[in-house]
Amino acid sequence: MTPRRERRPDPVGATPLTDEDLEGLVPTDVATRGDLDRAELENIVEARTWAAGRTWKPDTVLDSHTLADLHRRMFGQVWRWAGKWRNRETSIGIAPELMRSLGQPVFTWSQRPGVPPDRKRYREALQAMDRDREDVTRLLKFARG
């Protein structure tokens, strides 16, 4: 009889979460990156089921309230801050200054204080990409303001 080989945990999934990673976390049994990934995935699956059962109207699907609600439904069982707008800069390793250092404008997504977002221009940019996935020109122009 061949002895069983011990299954090693995925090195990334086994990575313990830092105190900073745990900030705002709802479940108390999440200790590793793998635990977190599973918790988020379960929450996302529930949100997808909810979203699939709704009738979405084109003029509200990109509304800030709708997006915040969707985000809360996707991550609310995992993170206390789910569905809330950030009030501090966060980074996944690339700071906005990197774009500036390359001589490129930082993405503003065409947001200006006191001016409502131009949803029509945004939809047109997305529709252009639907027609030609390689043509990101309009979306980049919109993202750069």
N, C-alpha and C. Protein backbone atom coordinates (compact mmCIF):
# COMPACT_ATOMS: atom_id res chain seq x y z
N MET A 1 0.84 -1.17 0.00
CA MET A 1 0.00 0.00 0.00
C MET A 1 0.89 1.24 0.00
N THR A 2 0.57 2.20 -0.87
CA THR A 2 1.35 3.42 -0.98
C THR A 2 0.95 4.39 0.12
N PRO A 3 1.93 4.93 0.83
CA PRO A 3 1.58 5.89 1.89
C PRO A 3 0.99 7.15 1.28
N ARG A 4 0.05 7.75 2.00
CA ARG A 4 -0.56 8.99 1.56
C ARG A 4 0.43 10.14 1.67
N ARG A 5 0.39 10.99 0.68
CA ARG A 5 1.23 12.19 0.74
C ARG A 5 0.45 13.28 1.42
N GLU A 6 1.11 13.94 2.32
CA GLU A 6 0.45 15.04 3.02
C GLU A 6 0.25 16.19 2.04
N ARG A 7 -0.96 16.71 2.01
CA ARG A 7 -1.26 17.83 1.12
C ARG A 7 -0.81 19.12 1.78
N ARG A 8 0.02 19.84 1.08
CA ARG A 8 0.53 21.11 1.61
C ARG A 8 -0.44 22.23 1.28
N PRO A 9 -0.63 23.13 2.22
CA PRO A 9 -1.52 24.25 1.93
C PRO A 9 -0.92 25.16 0.88
N ASP A 10 -1.81 25.80 0.13
CA ASP A 10 -1.37 26.78 -0.85
C ASP A 10 -0.58 27.87 -0.13
N PRO A 11 0.64 28.18 -0.58
CA PRO A 11 1.45 29.17 0.13
C PRO A 11 0.79 30.53 0.23
N VAL A 12 0.09 30.97 -0.82
CA VAL A 12 -0.58 32.26 -0.77
C VAL A 12 -1.78 32.18 0.17
N GLY A 13 -2.57 31.13 0.04
CA GLY A 13 -3.76 30.96 0.87
C GLY A 13 -3.44 30.80 2.34
N ALA A 14 -2.24 30.30 2.63
CA ALA A 14 -1.85 30.07 4.02
C ALA A 14 -1.22 31.30 4.67
N THR A 15 -1.05 32.34 3.89
CA THR A 15 -0.41 33.55 4.42
C THR A 15 -1.29 34.16 5.51
N PRO A 16 -0.75 34.32 6.71
CA PRO A 16 -1.54 34.94 7.78
C PRO A 16 -1.83 36.40 7.47
N LEU A 17 -2.98 36.85 7.90
CA LEU A 17 -3.34 38.25 7.70
C LEU A 17 -2.66 39.11 8.75
N THR A 18 -2.26 40.30 8.35
CA THR A 18 -1.63 41.24 9.28
C THR A 18 -2.70 41.99 10.05
N ASP A 19 -2.29 42.71 11.08
CA ASP A 19 -3.24 43.54 11.83
C ASP A 19 -3.92 44.54 10.90
N GLU A 20 -3.18 45.09 9.96
CA GLU A 20 -3.75 46.04 9.01
C GLU A 20 -4.79 45.36 8.12
N ASP A 21 -4.50 44.10 7.69
CA ASP A 21 -5.45 43.34 6.88
C ASP A 21 -6.74 43.07 7.64
N LEU A 22 -6.65 42.89 8.94
CA LEU A 22 -7.80 42.55 9.77
C LEU A 22 -8.69 43.74 10.12
N GLU A 23 -8.18 44.96 9.86
CA GLU A 23 -8.93 46.17 10.20
C GLU A 23 -10.23 46.24 9.40
N GLY A 24 -11.34 46.26 10.10
CA GLY A 24 -12.65 46.34 9.45
C GLY A 24 -13.25 44.99 9.10
N LEU A 25 -12.56 43.91 9.43
CA LEU A 25 -13.04 42.57 9.10
C LEU A 25 -14.19 42.17 10.03
N VAL A 26 -15.26 41.61 9.47
CA VAL A 26 -16.43 41.22 10.25
C VAL A 26 -16.29 39.82 10.84
N PRO A 27 -16.03 38.77 10.02
CA PRO A 27 -15.97 37.43 10.61
C PRO A 27 -14.75 37.28 11.52
N THR A 28 -14.92 36.57 12.61
CA THR A 28 -13.83 36.40 13.56
C THR A 28 -13.00 35.16 13.29
N ASP A 29 -13.45 34.29 12.38
CA ASP A 29 -12.72 33.05 12.11
C ASP A 29 -11.81 33.13 10.89
N VAL A 30 -11.63 34.32 10.33
CA VAL A 30 -10.75 34.52 9.17
C VAL A 30 -9.35 34.86 9.67
N ALA A 31 -8.37 34.00 9.33
CA ALA A 31 -7.01 34.22 9.82
C ALA A 31 -5.97 34.26 8.71
N THR A 32 -6.30 33.70 7.53
CA THR A 32 -5.33 33.63 6.44
C THR A 32 -5.91 34.26 5.17
N ARG A 33 -5.05 34.48 4.20
CA ARG A 33 -5.47 35.03 2.91
C ARG A 33 -6.50 34.08 2.27
N GLY A 34 -6.29 32.78 2.39
CA GLY A 34 -7.24 31.80 1.84
C GLY A 34 -8.60 31.90 2.51
N ASP A 35 -8.61 32.05 3.84
CA ASP A 35 -9.87 32.23 4.57
C ASP A 35 -10.61 33.46 4.06
N LEU A 36 -9.86 34.54 3.87
CA LEU A 36 -10.44 35.79 3.41
C LEU A 36 -11.01 35.62 1.99
N ASP A 37 -10.23 34.99 1.12
CA ASP A 37 -10.70 34.77 -0.25
C ASP A 37 -12.01 33.98 -0.26
N ARG A 38 -12.09 32.93 0.57
CA ARG A 38 -13.30 32.10 0.63
C ARG A 38 -14.49 32.91 1.16
N ALA A 39 -14.26 33.68 2.21
CA ALA A 39 -15.34 34.49 2.79
C ALA A 39 -15.86 35.51 1.77
N GLU A 40 -14.94 36.17 1.08
CA GLU A 40 -15.35 37.14 0.07
C GLU A 40 -16.10 36.46 -1.07
N LEU A 41 -15.62 35.31 -1.52
CA LEU A 41 -16.26 34.59 -2.61
C LEU A 41 -17.69 34.19 -2.24
N GLU A 42 -17.88 33.68 -1.03
CA GLU A 42 -19.23 33.30 -0.58
C GLU A 42 -20.16 34.51 -0.61
N ASN A 43 -19.67 35.64 -0.15
CA ASN A 43 -20.47 36.86 -0.12
C ASN A 43 -20.77 37.33 -1.55
N ILE A 44 -19.79 37.25 -2.44
CA ILE A 44 -19.97 37.66 -3.84
C ILE A 44 -21.00 36.77 -4.53
N VAL A 45 -20.96 35.46 -4.27
CA VAL A 45 -21.93 34.54 -4.87
C VAL A 45 -23.35 34.93 -4.45
N GLU A 46 -23.55 35.26 -3.18
CA GLU A 46 -24.87 35.70 -2.71
C GLU A 46 -25.30 36.98 -3.44
N ALA A 47 -24.36 37.91 -3.60
CA ALA A 47 -24.68 39.17 -4.27
C ALA A 47 -25.01 38.93 -5.74
N ARG A 48 -24.31 38.02 -6.38
CA ARG A 48 -24.61 37.71 -7.79
C ARG A 48 -26.01 37.14 -7.93
N THR A 49 -26.40 36.29 -7.00
CA THR A 49 -27.75 35.72 -7.03
C THR A 49 -28.77 36.84 -6.87
N TRP A 50 -28.53 37.75 -5.93
CA TRP A 50 -29.42 38.90 -5.73
C TRP A 50 -29.49 39.73 -7.01
N ALA A 51 -28.33 40.05 -7.59
CA ALA A 51 -28.28 40.90 -8.77
C ALA A 51 -28.96 40.26 -9.97
N ALA A 52 -28.82 38.95 -10.11
CA ALA A 52 -29.43 38.24 -11.24
C ALA A 52 -30.95 38.25 -11.14
N GLY A 53 -31.49 38.39 -9.95
CA GLY A 53 -32.93 38.40 -9.76
C GLY A 53 -33.57 39.77 -9.89
N ARG A 54 -32.78 40.77 -10.21
CA ARG A 54 -33.29 42.14 -10.33
C ARG A 54 -33.43 42.55 -11.78
N THR A 55 -34.30 43.52 -12.01
CA THR A 55 -34.40 44.15 -13.32
C THR A 55 -33.61 45.45 -13.21
N TRP A 56 -32.56 45.55 -14.00
CA TRP A 56 -31.68 46.71 -13.93
C TRP A 56 -32.07 47.72 -14.99
N LYS A 57 -32.16 48.97 -14.59
CA LYS A 57 -32.48 50.05 -15.52
C LYS A 57 -31.18 50.72 -15.94
N PRO A 58 -31.00 50.94 -17.24
CA PRO A 58 -29.74 51.53 -17.72
C PRO A 58 -29.38 52.86 -17.07
N ASP A 59 -30.37 53.67 -16.72
CA ASP A 59 -30.05 54.99 -16.16
C ASP A 59 -29.69 54.93 -14.68
N THR A 60 -29.87 53.79 -14.02
CA THR A 60 -29.51 53.70 -12.59
C THR A 60 -28.41 52.70 -12.30
N VAL A 61 -28.04 51.88 -13.27
CA VAL A 61 -27.06 50.82 -12.98
C VAL A 61 -25.70 51.39 -12.59
N LEU A 62 -25.35 52.57 -13.08
CA LEU A 62 -24.08 53.19 -12.72
C LEU A 62 -24.25 54.31 -11.71
N ASP A 63 -25.43 54.42 -11.15
CA ASP A 63 -25.71 55.41 -10.12
C ASP A 63 -24.87 55.11 -8.88
N SER A 64 -24.37 56.13 -8.21
CA SER A 64 -23.48 55.92 -7.06
C SER A 64 -24.19 55.16 -5.93
N HIS A 65 -25.48 55.38 -5.75
CA HIS A 65 -26.21 54.66 -4.70
C HIS A 65 -26.34 53.18 -5.05
N THR A 66 -26.61 52.89 -6.32
CA THR A 66 -26.73 51.50 -6.76
C THR A 66 -25.40 50.79 -6.62
N LEU A 67 -24.32 51.44 -7.03
CA LEU A 67 -22.99 50.82 -6.92
C LEU A 67 -22.60 50.58 -5.47
N ALA A 68 -22.90 51.54 -4.60
CA ALA A 68 -22.60 51.37 -3.18
C ALA A 68 -23.41 50.22 -2.59
N ASP A 69 -24.68 50.10 -2.98
CA ASP A 69 -25.53 49.00 -2.51
C ASP A 69 -24.98 47.66 -2.99
N LEU A 70 -24.60 47.60 -4.26
CA LEU A 70 -24.03 46.35 -4.79
C LEU A 70 -22.75 45.98 -4.06
N HIS A 71 -21.89 46.96 -3.82
CA HIS A 71 -20.63 46.71 -3.11
C HIS A 71 -20.92 46.20 -1.68
N ARG A 72 -21.90 46.81 -1.02
CA ARG A 72 -22.28 46.36 0.32
C ARG A 72 -22.78 44.92 0.29
N ARG A 73 -23.56 44.58 -0.72
CA ARG A 73 -24.07 43.22 -0.83
C ARG A 73 -22.96 42.22 -1.16
N MET A 74 -21.94 42.68 -1.91
CA MET A 74 -20.83 41.80 -2.28
C MET A 74 -19.86 41.56 -1.12
N PHE A 75 -19.68 42.56 -0.25
CA PHE A 75 -18.65 42.46 0.78
C PHE A 75 -19.12 42.76 2.20
N GLY A 76 -20.40 43.06 2.39
CA GLY A 76 -20.91 43.48 3.68
C GLY A 76 -20.81 42.44 4.79
N GLN A 77 -20.80 41.15 4.45
CA GLN A 77 -20.65 40.13 5.47
C GLN A 77 -19.19 39.91 5.85
N VAL A 78 -18.30 40.58 5.11
CA VAL A 78 -16.86 40.41 5.33
C VAL A 78 -16.22 41.68 5.87
N TRP A 79 -16.62 42.84 5.35
CA TRP A 79 -15.97 44.11 5.72
C TRP A 79 -16.98 45.12 6.23
N ARG A 80 -16.67 45.78 7.34
CA ARG A 80 -17.55 46.82 7.89
C ARG A 80 -17.67 48.02 6.97
N TRP A 81 -16.66 48.28 6.17
CA TRP A 81 -16.66 49.46 5.31
C TRP A 81 -17.32 49.20 3.96
N ALA A 82 -17.84 48.01 3.73
CA ALA A 82 -18.45 47.68 2.43
C ALA A 82 -19.60 48.63 2.12
N GLY A 83 -19.62 49.12 0.91
CA GLY A 83 -20.69 50.00 0.46
C GLY A 83 -20.51 51.45 0.86
N LYS A 84 -19.40 51.76 1.49
CA LYS A 84 -19.13 53.14 1.92
C LYS A 84 -17.99 53.70 1.06
N TRP A 85 -18.05 54.99 0.81
CA TRP A 85 -17.01 55.63 0.02
C TRP A 85 -15.75 55.79 0.87
N ARG A 86 -14.61 55.61 0.25
CA ARG A 86 -13.34 55.77 0.97
C ARG A 86 -13.14 57.21 1.41
N ASN A 87 -12.51 57.35 2.56
CA ASN A 87 -12.18 58.69 3.03
C ASN A 87 -10.68 58.86 3.21
N ARG A 88 -9.92 57.90 2.65
CA ARG A 88 -8.46 57.98 2.67
C ARG A 88 -7.92 57.26 1.45
N GLU A 89 -6.72 57.60 1.06
CA GLU A 89 -6.06 56.98 -0.08
C GLU A 89 -5.69 55.55 0.26
N THR A 90 -6.01 54.63 -0.63
CA THR A 90 -5.58 53.24 -0.46
C THR A 90 -4.79 52.86 -1.70
N SER A 91 -4.01 51.83 -1.59
CA SER A 91 -3.18 51.42 -2.72
C SER A 91 -2.95 49.93 -2.68
N ILE A 92 -2.97 49.30 -3.85
CA ILE A 92 -2.64 47.89 -3.93
C ILE A 92 -1.21 47.74 -4.46
N GLY A 93 -0.42 48.77 -4.21
CA GLY A 93 0.98 48.71 -4.60
C GLY A 93 1.39 49.75 -5.62
N ILE A 94 0.42 50.42 -6.23
CA ILE A 94 0.74 51.43 -7.22
C ILE A 94 0.08 52.73 -6.81
N ALA A 95 0.87 53.66 -6.34
CA ALA A 95 0.34 54.95 -5.91
C ALA A 95 0.02 55.82 -7.12
N PRO A 96 -0.95 56.74 -6.99
CA PRO A 96 -1.28 57.62 -8.11
C PRO A 96 -0.07 58.40 -8.61
N GLU A 97 0.87 58.67 -7.71
CA GLU A 97 2.06 59.42 -8.11
C GLU A 97 2.85 58.70 -9.18
N LEU A 98 2.69 57.32 -9.27
CA LEU A 98 3.42 56.58 -10.32
C LEU A 98 3.02 57.07 -11.70
N MET A 99 1.68 57.37 -11.92
CA MET A 99 1.21 57.90 -13.20
C MET A 99 1.86 59.25 -13.46
N ARG A 100 1.91 60.11 -12.40
CA ARG A 100 2.52 61.43 -12.56
C ARG A 100 4.00 61.30 -12.91
N SER A 101 4.70 60.36 -12.27
CA SER A 101 6.13 60.22 -12.53
C SER A 101 6.40 59.74 -13.95
N LEU A 102 5.39 59.14 -14.58
CA LEU A 102 5.53 58.71 -15.97
C LEU A 102 5.07 59.79 -16.95
N GLY A 103 4.71 60.96 -16.38
CA GLY A 103 4.26 62.06 -17.23
C GLY A 103 2.83 61.90 -17.68
N GLN A 104 2.05 61.05 -17.01
CA GLN A 104 0.66 60.80 -17.38
C GLN A 104 -0.26 61.44 -16.35
N PRO A 105 -1.43 61.91 -16.79
CA PRO A 105 -2.38 62.47 -15.82
C PRO A 105 -2.99 61.36 -14.96
N VAL A 106 -3.26 61.67 -13.72
CA VAL A 106 -3.91 60.73 -12.82
C VAL A 106 -5.36 60.58 -13.26
N PHE A 107 -5.92 59.39 -13.17
CA PHE A 107 -7.31 59.17 -13.54
C PHE A 107 -8.24 59.94 -12.60
N THR A 108 -9.09 60.75 -13.16
CA THR A 108 -10.09 61.48 -12.37
C THR A 108 -11.48 60.92 -12.64
N TRP A 109 -11.60 60.10 -13.68
CA TRP A 109 -12.90 59.56 -14.12
C TRP A 109 -13.86 60.71 -14.39
N SER A 110 -13.28 61.80 -14.92
CA SER A 110 -14.03 62.99 -15.34
C SER A 110 -14.84 63.61 -14.21
N GLN A 111 -14.41 63.41 -12.98
CA GLN A 111 -15.10 63.99 -11.83
C GLN A 111 -14.51 65.37 -11.54
N ARG A 112 -15.41 66.33 -11.40
CA ARG A 112 -15.01 67.69 -11.03
C ARG A 112 -15.95 68.15 -9.92
N PRO A 113 -15.44 68.85 -8.93
CA PRO A 113 -16.29 69.32 -7.83
C PRO A 113 -17.49 70.12 -8.35
N GLY A 114 -18.68 69.73 -7.90
CA GLY A 114 -19.89 70.45 -8.27
C GLY A 114 -20.44 70.14 -9.64
N VAL A 115 -19.78 69.26 -10.39
CA VAL A 115 -20.23 68.91 -11.74
C VAL A 115 -20.66 67.44 -11.74
N PRO A 116 -21.92 67.16 -12.14
CA PRO A 116 -22.35 65.76 -12.15
C PRO A 116 -21.57 64.96 -13.18
N PRO A 117 -21.37 63.66 -12.93
CA PRO A 117 -20.62 62.83 -13.87
C PRO A 117 -21.34 62.75 -15.22
N ASP A 118 -20.57 62.69 -16.27
CA ASP A 118 -21.12 62.61 -17.63
C ASP A 118 -21.35 61.14 -17.97
N ARG A 119 -22.48 60.61 -17.54
CA ARG A 119 -22.78 59.19 -17.74
C ARG A 119 -22.88 58.83 -19.22
N LYS A 120 -23.40 59.77 -20.01
CA LYS A 120 -23.54 59.51 -21.45
C LYS A 120 -22.17 59.24 -22.08
N ARG A 121 -21.20 60.09 -21.75
CA ARG A 121 -19.85 59.92 -22.29
C ARG A 121 -19.22 58.61 -21.81
N TYR A 122 -19.48 58.27 -20.54
CA TYR A 122 -18.96 57.02 -19.99
C TYR A 122 -19.57 55.81 -20.71
N ARG A 123 -20.90 55.83 -20.89
CA ARG A 123 -21.56 54.72 -21.60
C ARG A 123 -21.05 54.61 -23.03
N GLU A 124 -20.88 55.75 -23.69
CA GLU A 124 -20.36 55.73 -25.06
C GLU A 124 -18.97 55.11 -25.11
N ALA A 125 -18.15 55.41 -24.11
CA ALA A 125 -16.79 54.83 -24.06
C ALA A 125 -16.87 53.33 -23.87
N LEU A 126 -17.77 52.88 -23.01
CA LEU A 126 -17.93 51.43 -22.79
C LEU A 126 -18.49 50.74 -24.04
N GLN A 127 -19.44 51.39 -24.71
CA GLN A 127 -20.01 50.83 -25.93
C GLN A 127 -18.97 50.73 -27.03
N ALA A 128 -18.07 51.72 -27.10
CA ALA A 128 -16.98 51.66 -28.08
C ALA A 128 -16.09 50.45 -27.82
N MET A 129 -15.84 50.18 -26.54
CA MET A 129 -15.03 49.00 -26.20
C MET A 129 -15.79 47.70 -26.49
N ASP A 130 -17.11 47.71 -26.36
CA ASP A 130 -17.91 46.53 -26.72
C ASP A 130 -17.74 46.22 -28.21
N ARG A 131 -17.68 47.28 -29.02
CA ARG A 131 -17.51 47.08 -30.46
C ARG A 131 -16.10 46.63 -30.82
N ASP A 132 -15.11 47.17 -30.10
CA ASP A 132 -13.71 46.86 -30.39
C ASP A 132 -12.93 46.83 -29.08
N ARG A 133 -12.70 45.65 -28.54
CA ARG A 133 -12.04 45.49 -27.24
C ARG A 133 -10.63 46.09 -27.21
N GLU A 134 -10.03 46.26 -28.35
CA GLU A 134 -8.68 46.81 -28.42
C GLU A 134 -8.67 48.34 -28.35
N ASP A 135 -9.82 48.96 -28.61
CA ASP A 135 -9.89 50.42 -28.65
C ASP A 135 -10.28 50.98 -27.29
N VAL A 136 -9.29 51.36 -26.52
CA VAL A 136 -9.54 51.91 -25.18
C VAL A 136 -9.42 53.44 -25.18
N THR A 137 -9.30 54.02 -26.37
CA THR A 137 -9.06 55.45 -26.49
C THR A 137 -10.11 56.29 -25.76
N ARG A 138 -11.39 56.03 -26.02
CA ARG A 138 -12.46 56.83 -25.39
C ARG A 138 -12.48 56.64 -23.88
N LEU A 139 -12.30 55.40 -23.44
CA LEU A 139 -12.33 55.16 -22.00
C LEU A 139 -11.16 55.83 -21.29
N LEU A 140 -9.98 55.78 -21.90
CA LEU A 140 -8.83 56.47 -21.32
C LEU A 140 -9.04 57.98 -21.29
N LYS A 141 -9.62 58.51 -22.36
CA LYS A 141 -9.89 59.95 -22.39
C LYS A 141 -10.86 60.33 -21.28
N PHE A 142 -11.89 59.50 -21.08
CA PHE A 142 -12.85 59.76 -19.99
C PHE A 142 -12.17 59.62 -18.63
N ALA A 143 -11.38 58.57 -18.45
CA ALA A 143 -10.72 58.31 -17.16
C ALA A 143 -9.73 59.43 -16.80
N ARG A 144 -9.12 60.01 -17.82
CA ARG A 144 -8.15 61.08 -17.57
C ARG A 144 -8.79 62.44 -17.43
N GLY A 145 -10.12 62.50 -17.59
CA GLY A 145 -10.84 63.75 -17.35
C GLY A 145 -10.84 64.66 -18.52
